[in-house]
Amino acid sequence: MKLIYTTHAKRRMEQRRVSEKEVRWVLTEPDEIEAYNGEAMVTRRSAERILKVVYYQMSDDEYRIITVIAQRMRSRRR
């Protein structure tokens, strides 16, 4: 699998402390997939956060990563 990152995606990964390994994990083992206008967003949840990757599939094995989103899981207060 070849991943091509936009400058925007690289900046977001750095800001949100998301590694390339995590991006591959989200792409290969998503919990959810949403497709729209030729792009797709995959989501993967862990105990600590929700990771989302928006990408465009250029060929069978080549993906252009547009952006990466990381949201912390909220702890429930009682």
C-alpha atoms as a PDB file:
ATOM      1  CA  MET A   1       0.000   0.000   0.000  1.00  0.00           C
ATOM      2  CA  LYS A   2       1.498   3.314  -1.104  1.00  0.00           C
ATOM      3  CA  LEU A   3       0.423   6.406   0.823  1.00  0.00           C
ATOM      4  CA  ILE A   4       0.948   9.909  -0.525  1.00  0.00           C
ATOM      5  CA  TYR A   5       0.414  12.635   2.081  1.00  0.00           C
ATOM      6  CA  THR A   6      -0.679  16.175   1.287  1.00  0.00           C
ATOM      7  CA  THR A   7       1.140  18.965   3.095  1.00  0.00           C
ATOM      8  CA  HIS A   8      -2.073  19.587   5.036  1.00  0.00           C
ATOM      9  CA  ALA A   9      -2.246  15.944   6.181  1.00  0.00           C
ATOM     10  CA  LYS A  10       1.386  15.993   7.311  1.00  0.00           C
ATOM     11  CA  ARG A  11       0.786  19.167   9.336  1.00  0.00           C
ATOM     12  CA  ARG A  12      -2.310  17.711  10.979  1.00  0.00           C
ATOM     13  CA  MET A  13      -0.502  14.478  11.824  1.00  0.00           C
ATOM     14  CA  GLU A  14       2.282  16.445  13.495  1.00  0.00           C
ATOM     15  CA  GLN A  15      -0.148  18.696  15.395  1.00  0.00           C
ATOM     16  CA  ARG A  16      -2.264  15.756  16.544  1.00  0.00           C
ATOM     17  CA  ARG A  17       0.635  13.375  17.157  1.00  0.00           C
ATOM     18  CA  VAL A  18      -0.567  10.716  14.721  1.00  0.00           C
ATOM     19  CA  SER A  19       2.054   8.418  13.194  1.00  0.00           C
ATOM     20  CA  GLU A  20       2.141   6.961   9.691  1.00  0.00           C
ATOM     21  CA  LYS A  21       1.747   3.546  11.332  1.00  0.00           C
ATOM     22  CA  GLU A  22      -1.540   4.698  12.898  1.00  0.00           C
ATOM     23  CA  VAL A  23      -2.776   6.036   9.542  1.00  0.00           C
ATOM     24  CA  ARG A  24      -2.101   2.626   7.953  1.00  0.00           C
ATOM     25  CA  TRP A  25      -3.900   0.927  10.856  1.00  0.00           C
ATOM     26  CA  VAL A  26      -6.997   3.099  10.362  1.00  0.00           C
ATOM     27  CA  LEU A  27      -6.974   2.433   6.602  1.00  0.00           C
ATOM     28  CA  THR A  28      -6.557  -1.335   6.912  1.00  0.00           C
ATOM     29  CA  GLU A  29      -8.809  -1.941   9.941  1.00  0.00           C
ATOM     30  CA  PRO A  30     -11.525   0.740   9.959  1.00  0.00           C
ATOM     31  CA  ASP A  31     -14.575   0.656  12.231  1.00  0.00           C
ATOM     32  CA  GLU A  32     -16.526   2.825   9.770  1.00  0.00           C
ATOM     33  CA  ILE A  33     -16.214   3.879   6.131  1.00  0.00           C
ATOM     34  CA  GLU A  34     -18.003   6.858   4.591  1.00  0.00           C
ATOM     35  CA  ALA A  35     -17.655   7.635   0.879  1.00  0.00           C
ATOM     36  CA  TYR A  36     -18.557  10.866  -0.897  1.00  0.00           C
ATOM     37  CA  ASN A  37     -17.558  12.599  -4.152  1.00  0.00           C
ATOM     38  CA  GLY A  38     -14.689  10.224  -4.904  1.00  0.00           C
ATOM     39  CA  GLU A  39     -13.190  10.615  -1.437  1.00  0.00           C
ATOM     40  CA  ALA A  40     -13.638   8.446   1.632  1.00  0.00           C
ATOM     41  CA  MET A  41     -13.293   8.838   5.371  1.00  0.00           C
ATOM     42  CA  VAL A  42     -12.389   5.889   7.568  1.00  0.00           C
ATOM     43  CA  THR A  43     -12.738   5.904  11.338  1.00  0.00           C
ATOM     44  CA  ARG A  44     -11.078   3.775  13.981  1.00  0.00           C
ATOM     45  CA  ARG A  45     -11.715   3.956  17.718  1.00  0.00           C
ATOM     46  CA  SER A  46      -9.233   3.059  20.443  1.00  0.00           C
ATOM     47  CA  ALA A  47      -9.497   3.393  24.200  1.00  0.00           C
ATOM     48  CA  GLU A  48      -7.821   6.827  24.107  1.00  0.00           C
ATOM     49  CA  ARG A  49      -9.102   8.498  20.940  1.00  0.00           C
ATOM     50  CA  ILE A  50     -10.968   8.379  17.672  1.00  0.00           C
ATOM     51  CA  LEU A  51      -8.841   8.600  14.529  1.00  0.00           C
ATOM     52  CA  LYS A  52     -10.261   9.615  11.147  1.00  0.00           C
ATOM     53  CA  VAL A  53      -8.452   9.619   7.818  1.00  0.00           C
ATOM     54  CA  VAL A  54      -9.840  11.326   4.723  1.00  0.00           C
ATOM     55  CA  TYR A  55      -8.326  10.027   1.500  1.00  0.00           C
ATOM     56  CA  TYR A  56      -8.701   9.640  -2.247  1.00  0.00           C
ATOM     57  CA  GLN A  57      -7.925   6.233  -3.733  1.00  0.00           C
ATOM     58  CA  MET A  58      -5.763   6.831  -6.796  1.00  0.00           C
ATOM     59  CA  SER A  59      -5.379   3.163  -7.811  1.00  0.00           C
ATOM     60  CA  ASP A  60      -5.823  -0.302  -6.314  1.00  0.00           C
ATOM     61  CA  ASP A  61      -2.855   0.150  -3.997  1.00  0.00           C
ATOM     62  CA  GLU A  62      -2.226   3.921  -3.924  1.00  0.00           C
ATOM     63  CA  TYR A  63      -3.922   6.412  -1.593  1.00  0.00           C
ATOM     64  CA  ARG A  64      -3.655  10.193  -1.337  1.00  0.00           C
ATOM     65  CA  ILE A  65      -4.128  11.176   2.314  1.00  0.00           C
ATOM     66  CA  ILE A  66      -5.986  14.493   2.469  1.00  0.00           C
ATOM     67  CA  THR A  67      -6.300  15.032   6.222  1.00  0.00           C
ATOM     68  CA  VAL A  68      -6.096  13.252   9.558  1.00  0.00           C
ATOM     69  CA  ILE A  69      -8.395  13.961  12.513  1.00  0.00           C
ATOM     70  CA  ALA A  70      -7.814  12.850  16.106  1.00  0.00           C
ATOM     71  CA  GLN A  71     -10.386  13.279  18.848  1.00  0.00           C
ATOM     72  CA  ARG A  72      -9.848  12.318  22.470  1.00  0.00           C
ATOM     73  CA  MET A  73     -12.349   9.981  24.036  1.00  0.00           C
ATOM     74  CA  ARG A  74     -14.372  11.754  26.672  1.00  0.00           C
ATOM     75  CA  SER A  75     -14.437  10.236  30.088  1.00  0.00           C
ATOM     76  CA  ARG A  76     -17.804   9.910  31.712  1.00  0.00           C
ATOM     77  CA  ARG A  77     -18.291  11.755  34.979  1.00  0.00           C
ATOM     78  CA  ARG A  78     -20.859  10.638  37.480  1.00  0.00           C
END
